[in-house]
């Protein structure tokens, strides 16, 4: 069993909501930001990212809007909704509690 894959699957939406909450962003930028902030640990593919973004849109946690760039191309930017901010706050609280509980069980001894 690939444990890191299972952990990612359970936390993808929270990671995306957090980044979109920081600033409106588009797909490729999300992929690069996740990779940068995790020092290369997270390497999302489009096949993982876009289904998750569409799922968050259907749940009304984010909304996407096409914007025209100066060169005439269009790019879809994602914005967090109020409902998304509330969901993110709840998810972060649960994650902090979970993380604290795990750390209290798995204490690394310092010598």
N, C-alpha and C. Protein backbone atom coordinates (compact mmCIF):
# COMPACT_ATOMS: atom_id res chain seq x y z
N UNK A 1 0.84 -1.18 0.00
CA UNK A 1 0.00 0.00 0.00
C UNK A 1 0.89 1.24 0.00
N UNK A 2 0.54 2.21 -0.84
CA UNK A 2 1.29 3.46 -0.93
C UNK A 2 0.68 4.47 0.05
N UNK A 3 1.28 4.56 1.24
CA UNK A 3 0.71 5.40 2.30
C UNK A 3 0.73 6.88 1.95
N UNK A 4 1.81 7.34 1.31
CA UNK A 4 1.87 8.76 0.97
C UNK A 4 0.78 9.13 -0.03
N UNK A 5 0.47 8.21 -0.93
CA UNK A 5 -0.61 8.46 -1.89
C UNK A 5 -1.97 8.56 -1.19
N UNK A 6 -2.18 7.67 -0.22
CA UNK A 6 -3.43 7.69 0.54
C UNK A 6 -3.56 8.97 1.37
N UNK A 7 -2.45 9.41 1.97
CA UNK A 7 -2.47 10.65 2.74
C UNK A 7 -2.79 11.84 1.83
N UNK A 8 -2.18 11.85 0.65
CA UNK A 8 -2.44 12.94 -0.29
C UNK A 8 -3.90 12.94 -0.72
N UNK A 9 -4.43 11.76 -1.03
CA UNK A 9 -5.82 11.66 -1.46
C UNK A 9 -6.76 12.26 -0.42
N UNK A 10 -6.47 12.02 0.84
CA UNK A 10 -7.31 12.52 1.92
C UNK A 10 -7.13 13.99 2.22
N UNK A 11 -6.09 14.61 1.66
CA UNK A 11 -5.80 16.00 1.99
C UNK A 11 -5.71 16.93 0.78
N UNK A 12 -5.94 16.41 -0.40
CA UNK A 12 -5.85 17.22 -1.62
C UNK A 12 -6.76 18.43 -1.55
N UNK A 13 -8.02 18.25 -1.19
CA UNK A 13 -8.96 19.37 -1.17
C UNK A 13 -8.51 20.46 -0.20
N UNK A 14 -8.01 20.05 0.95
CA UNK A 14 -7.55 21.03 1.95
C UNK A 14 -6.36 21.82 1.42
N UNK A 15 -5.42 21.14 0.77
CA UNK A 15 -4.26 21.83 0.20
C UNK A 15 -4.69 22.84 -0.86
N UNK A 16 -5.62 22.43 -1.72
CA UNK A 16 -6.09 23.32 -2.77
C UNK A 16 -6.84 24.51 -2.20
N UNK A 17 -7.72 24.25 -1.25
CA UNK A 17 -8.46 25.35 -0.62
C UNK A 17 -7.50 26.34 0.04
N UNK A 18 -6.47 25.83 0.70
CA UNK A 18 -5.52 26.71 1.37
C UNK A 18 -4.81 27.62 0.36
N UNK A 19 -4.31 27.04 -0.72
CA UNK A 19 -3.60 27.84 -1.72
C UNK A 19 -4.51 28.87 -2.39
N UNK A 20 -5.72 28.45 -2.72
CA UNK A 20 -6.65 29.37 -3.37
C UNK A 20 -7.10 30.46 -2.40
N UNK A 21 -7.15 30.13 -1.12
CA UNK A 21 -7.48 31.13 -0.11
C UNK A 21 -6.38 32.19 -0.02
N UNK A 22 -5.14 31.79 -0.24
CA UNK A 22 -4.02 32.74 -0.19
C UNK A 22 -4.12 33.78 -1.30
N UNK A 23 -4.52 33.33 -2.47
CA UNK A 23 -4.69 34.24 -3.61
C UNK A 23 -5.40 33.51 -4.74
N UNK A 24 -6.21 34.22 -5.52
CA UNK A 24 -6.81 33.58 -6.69
C UNK A 24 -5.68 33.04 -7.58
N UNK A 25 -5.89 31.87 -8.12
CA UNK A 25 -4.82 31.24 -8.87
C UNK A 25 -5.38 30.34 -9.97
N UNK A 26 -4.52 29.88 -10.84
CA UNK A 26 -4.93 29.00 -11.95
C UNK A 26 -4.19 27.68 -11.83
N UNK A 27 -4.63 26.71 -12.59
CA UNK A 27 -4.17 25.33 -12.45
C UNK A 27 -2.67 25.13 -12.44
N UNK A 28 -1.99 25.60 -13.47
CA UNK A 28 -0.53 25.38 -13.56
C UNK A 28 0.18 26.05 -12.38
N UNK A 29 -0.30 27.22 -11.99
CA UNK A 29 0.30 27.93 -10.86
C UNK A 29 0.12 27.12 -9.56
N UNK A 30 -1.02 26.47 -9.42
CA UNK A 30 -1.26 25.63 -8.24
C UNK A 30 -0.26 24.48 -8.21
N UNK A 31 -0.08 23.82 -9.33
CA UNK A 31 0.86 22.69 -9.41
C UNK A 31 2.26 23.15 -9.01
N UNK A 32 2.70 24.27 -9.55
CA UNK A 32 4.04 24.78 -9.26
C UNK A 32 4.18 25.22 -7.80
N UNK A 33 3.15 25.85 -7.25
CA UNK A 33 3.19 26.32 -5.87
C UNK A 33 3.22 25.15 -4.88
N UNK A 34 2.44 24.12 -5.14
CA UNK A 34 2.46 22.93 -4.29
C UNK A 34 3.84 22.29 -4.30
N UNK A 35 4.42 22.20 -5.47
CA UNK A 35 5.75 21.61 -5.59
C UNK A 35 6.79 22.47 -4.86
N UNK A 36 6.72 23.77 -5.04
CA UNK A 36 7.68 24.68 -4.41
C UNK A 36 7.56 24.67 -2.89
N UNK A 37 6.35 24.81 -2.38
CA UNK A 37 6.15 24.89 -0.93
C UNK A 37 6.47 23.57 -0.22
N UNK A 38 6.36 22.46 -0.94
CA UNK A 38 6.64 21.16 -0.33
C UNK A 38 8.06 20.66 -0.65
N UNK A 39 8.88 21.54 -1.21
CA UNK A 39 10.25 21.16 -1.60
C UNK A 39 10.26 19.93 -2.50
N UNK A 40 9.29 19.87 -3.41
CA UNK A 40 9.23 18.80 -4.39
C UNK A 40 8.48 17.56 -3.95
N UNK A 41 8.01 17.53 -2.71
CA UNK A 41 7.30 16.34 -2.22
C UNK A 41 5.99 16.13 -2.99
N UNK A 42 5.24 17.22 -3.18
CA UNK A 42 3.98 17.13 -3.93
C UNK A 42 4.24 17.47 -5.38
N UNK A 43 3.96 16.52 -6.24
CA UNK A 43 4.09 16.73 -7.67
C UNK A 43 2.78 16.32 -8.32
N UNK A 44 1.84 17.25 -8.33
CA UNK A 44 0.51 16.98 -8.87
C UNK A 44 0.58 16.89 -10.38
N UNK A 45 -0.28 16.08 -10.91
CA UNK A 45 -0.48 16.01 -12.36
C UNK A 45 -1.85 16.60 -12.65
N UNK A 46 -2.02 17.01 -13.89
CA UNK A 46 -3.31 17.59 -14.29
C UNK A 46 -4.45 16.63 -14.04
N UNK A 47 -4.19 15.33 -14.20
CA UNK A 47 -5.22 14.32 -14.00
C UNK A 47 -5.68 14.20 -12.55
N UNK A 48 -4.88 14.71 -11.63
CA UNK A 48 -5.26 14.76 -10.22
C UNK A 48 -5.87 16.11 -9.89
N UNK A 49 -5.25 17.17 -10.40
CA UNK A 49 -5.64 18.53 -10.04
C UNK A 49 -7.03 18.91 -10.54
N UNK A 50 -7.26 18.78 -11.84
CA UNK A 50 -8.50 19.32 -12.39
C UNK A 50 -9.76 18.61 -11.91
N UNK A 51 -9.75 17.30 -11.75
CA UNK A 51 -10.95 16.68 -11.15
C UNK A 51 -11.21 17.21 -9.74
N UNK A 52 -10.14 17.45 -8.97
CA UNK A 52 -10.32 17.99 -7.61
C UNK A 52 -10.88 19.41 -7.67
N UNK A 53 -10.37 20.25 -8.58
CA UNK A 53 -10.88 21.61 -8.72
C UNK A 53 -12.36 21.59 -9.13
N UNK A 54 -12.72 20.71 -10.05
CA UNK A 54 -14.13 20.61 -10.49
C UNK A 54 -15.01 20.14 -9.34
N UNK A 55 -14.52 19.21 -8.54
CA UNK A 55 -15.27 18.73 -7.38
C UNK A 55 -15.49 19.87 -6.38
N UNK A 56 -14.46 20.68 -6.13
CA UNK A 56 -14.59 21.82 -5.22
C UNK A 56 -15.56 22.87 -5.78
N UNK A 57 -15.56 23.03 -7.09
CA UNK A 57 -16.52 23.96 -7.72
C UNK A 57 -17.95 23.46 -7.57
N UNK A 58 -18.16 22.17 -7.84
CA UNK A 58 -19.51 21.61 -7.69
C UNK A 58 -20.01 21.73 -6.26
N UNK A 59 -19.10 21.66 -5.31
CA UNK A 59 -19.47 21.79 -3.90
C UNK A 59 -19.60 23.26 -3.47
N UNK A 60 -19.36 24.15 -4.40
CA UNK A 60 -19.43 25.60 -4.18
C UNK A 60 -18.43 26.09 -3.14
N UNK A 61 -17.28 25.41 -3.06
CA UNK A 61 -16.22 25.83 -2.15
C UNK A 61 -15.26 26.79 -2.86
N UNK A 62 -15.20 26.69 -4.18
CA UNK A 62 -14.45 27.62 -5.01
C UNK A 62 -15.29 27.97 -6.22
N UNK A 63 -14.89 29.01 -6.92
CA UNK A 63 -15.52 29.32 -8.21
C UNK A 63 -14.43 29.66 -9.20
N UNK A 64 -14.64 29.25 -10.42
CA UNK A 64 -13.68 29.54 -11.47
C UNK A 64 -14.21 30.63 -12.39
N UNK A 65 -13.29 31.45 -12.87
CA UNK A 65 -13.68 32.52 -13.78
C UNK A 65 -12.58 32.68 -14.83
N UNK A 66 -12.99 32.71 -16.09
CA UNK A 66 -12.05 32.91 -17.18
C UNK A 66 -11.63 34.37 -17.21
N UNK A 67 -10.33 34.59 -17.39
CA UNK A 67 -9.81 35.95 -17.51
C UNK A 67 -8.93 36.04 -18.74
N UNK A 68 -9.09 37.13 -19.47
CA UNK A 68 -8.29 37.34 -20.67
C UNK A 68 -6.95 37.94 -20.26
N UNK A 69 -5.89 37.36 -20.80
CA UNK A 69 -4.54 37.84 -20.54
C UNK A 69 -4.17 38.91 -21.55
N UNK A 70 -3.15 39.71 -21.27
CA UNK A 70 -2.75 40.76 -22.23
C UNK A 70 -2.44 40.23 -23.63
N UNK A 71 -1.97 38.99 -23.73
CA UNK A 71 -1.66 38.42 -25.04
C UNK A 71 -2.89 37.85 -25.76
N UNK A 72 -4.07 38.00 -25.15
CA UNK A 72 -5.31 37.54 -25.77
C UNK A 72 -5.76 36.16 -25.35
N UNK A 73 -4.87 35.39 -24.74
CA UNK A 73 -5.26 34.06 -24.27
C UNK A 73 -6.14 34.21 -23.03
N UNK A 74 -6.88 33.14 -22.74
CA UNK A 74 -7.70 33.12 -21.54
C UNK A 74 -7.17 32.07 -20.57
N UNK A 75 -7.31 32.39 -19.29
CA UNK A 75 -6.86 31.49 -18.23
C UNK A 75 -7.96 31.45 -17.18
N UNK A 76 -8.22 30.25 -16.65
CA UNK A 76 -9.26 30.09 -15.63
C UNK A 76 -8.65 30.24 -14.24
N UNK A 77 -9.06 31.30 -13.56
CA UNK A 77 -8.61 31.55 -12.19
C UNK A 77 -9.66 31.02 -11.22
N UNK A 78 -9.18 30.52 -10.10
CA UNK A 78 -10.06 29.97 -9.07
C UNK A 78 -10.03 30.86 -7.84
N UNK A 79 -11.21 31.10 -7.29
CA UNK A 79 -11.40 31.95 -6.12
C UNK A 79 -12.13 31.13 -5.05
N UNK A 80 -11.74 31.34 -3.81
CA UNK A 80 -12.43 30.64 -2.73
C UNK A 80 -13.72 31.40 -2.40
N UNK A 81 -14.76 30.67 -2.07
CA UNK A 81 -16.04 31.27 -1.68
C UNK A 81 -16.09 31.36 -0.15
N UNK A 82 -17.09 32.05 0.35
CA UNK A 82 -17.27 32.12 1.81
C UNK A 82 -17.46 30.71 2.37
N UNK A 83 -18.26 29.90 1.67
CA UNK A 83 -18.46 28.51 2.08
C UNK A 83 -17.13 27.75 2.09
N UNK A 84 -16.28 28.03 1.12
CA UNK A 84 -14.97 27.41 1.05
C UNK A 84 -14.07 27.83 2.20
N UNK A 85 -14.14 29.10 2.57
CA UNK A 85 -13.35 29.59 3.71
C UNK A 85 -13.79 28.91 5.00
N UNK A 86 -15.09 28.73 5.15
CA UNK A 86 -15.60 28.05 6.34
C UNK A 86 -15.16 26.60 6.37
N UNK A 87 -15.25 25.94 5.22
CA UNK A 87 -14.82 24.54 5.13
C UNK A 87 -13.33 24.42 5.41
N UNK A 88 -12.54 25.36 4.88
CA UNK A 88 -11.10 25.34 5.12
C UNK A 88 -10.79 25.50 6.61
N UNK A 89 -11.46 26.43 7.26
CA UNK A 89 -11.23 26.64 8.70
C UNK A 89 -11.52 25.37 9.49
N UNK A 90 -12.61 24.68 9.14
CA UNK A 90 -12.94 23.42 9.83
C UNK A 90 -11.89 22.35 9.56
N UNK A 91 -11.48 22.24 8.30
CA UNK A 91 -10.49 21.22 7.93
C UNK A 91 -9.15 21.48 8.63
N UNK A 92 -8.75 22.75 8.70
CA UNK A 92 -7.49 23.08 9.37
C UNK A 92 -7.55 22.76 10.86
N UNK A 93 -8.68 23.03 11.48
CA UNK A 93 -8.85 22.72 12.90
C UNK A 93 -8.75 21.20 13.13
N UNK A 94 -9.41 20.43 12.29
CA UNK A 94 -9.35 18.97 12.40
C UNK A 94 -7.92 18.50 12.17
N UNK A 95 -7.24 19.05 11.16
CA UNK A 95 -5.87 18.64 10.86
C UNK A 95 -4.94 18.96 12.03
N UNK A 96 -5.09 20.14 12.63
CA UNK A 96 -4.24 20.52 13.76
C UNK A 96 -4.46 19.57 14.95
N UNK A 97 -5.70 19.25 15.22
CA UNK A 97 -6.00 18.31 16.31
C UNK A 97 -5.41 16.94 16.03
N UNK A 98 -5.59 16.46 14.81
CA UNK A 98 -5.06 15.17 14.40
C UNK A 98 -3.55 15.15 14.51
N UNK A 99 -2.91 16.18 13.98
CA UNK A 99 -1.46 16.28 14.00
C UNK A 99 -0.92 16.31 15.42
N UNK A 100 -1.57 17.06 16.29
CA UNK A 100 -1.16 17.13 17.70
C UNK A 100 -1.29 15.76 18.36
N UNK A 101 -2.39 15.07 18.08
CA UNK A 101 -2.59 13.74 18.67
C UNK A 101 -1.54 12.75 18.19
N UNK A 102 -1.22 12.77 16.90
CA UNK A 102 -0.20 11.87 16.37
C UNK A 102 1.15 12.19 16.99
N UNK A 103 1.49 13.47 17.05
CA UNK A 103 2.77 13.87 17.63
C UNK A 103 2.88 13.46 19.09
N UNK A 104 1.78 13.51 19.82
CA UNK A 104 1.83 13.13 21.23
C UNK A 104 2.03 11.62 21.41
N UNK A 105 1.66 10.86 20.43
CA UNK A 105 1.88 9.41 20.48
C UNK A 105 3.27 9.06 19.98
N UNK A 106 3.66 9.67 18.90
CA UNK A 106 4.95 9.36 18.28
C UNK A 106 5.94 10.46 18.64
N UNK A 107 6.40 10.41 19.84
CA UNK A 107 7.38 11.39 20.32
C UNK A 107 8.77 10.89 19.96
N UNK A 108 9.50 11.69 19.25
CA UNK A 108 10.88 11.33 18.96
C UNK A 108 11.72 11.80 20.15
N UNK A 109 12.49 10.88 20.68
CA UNK A 109 13.33 11.23 21.83
C UNK A 109 14.51 12.06 21.35
N UNK A 110 14.77 13.10 22.09
CA UNK A 110 15.95 13.92 21.80
C UNK A 110 17.02 13.58 22.80
N UNK A 111 18.18 13.25 22.30
CA UNK A 111 19.27 12.87 23.19
C UNK A 111 20.43 13.80 23.02
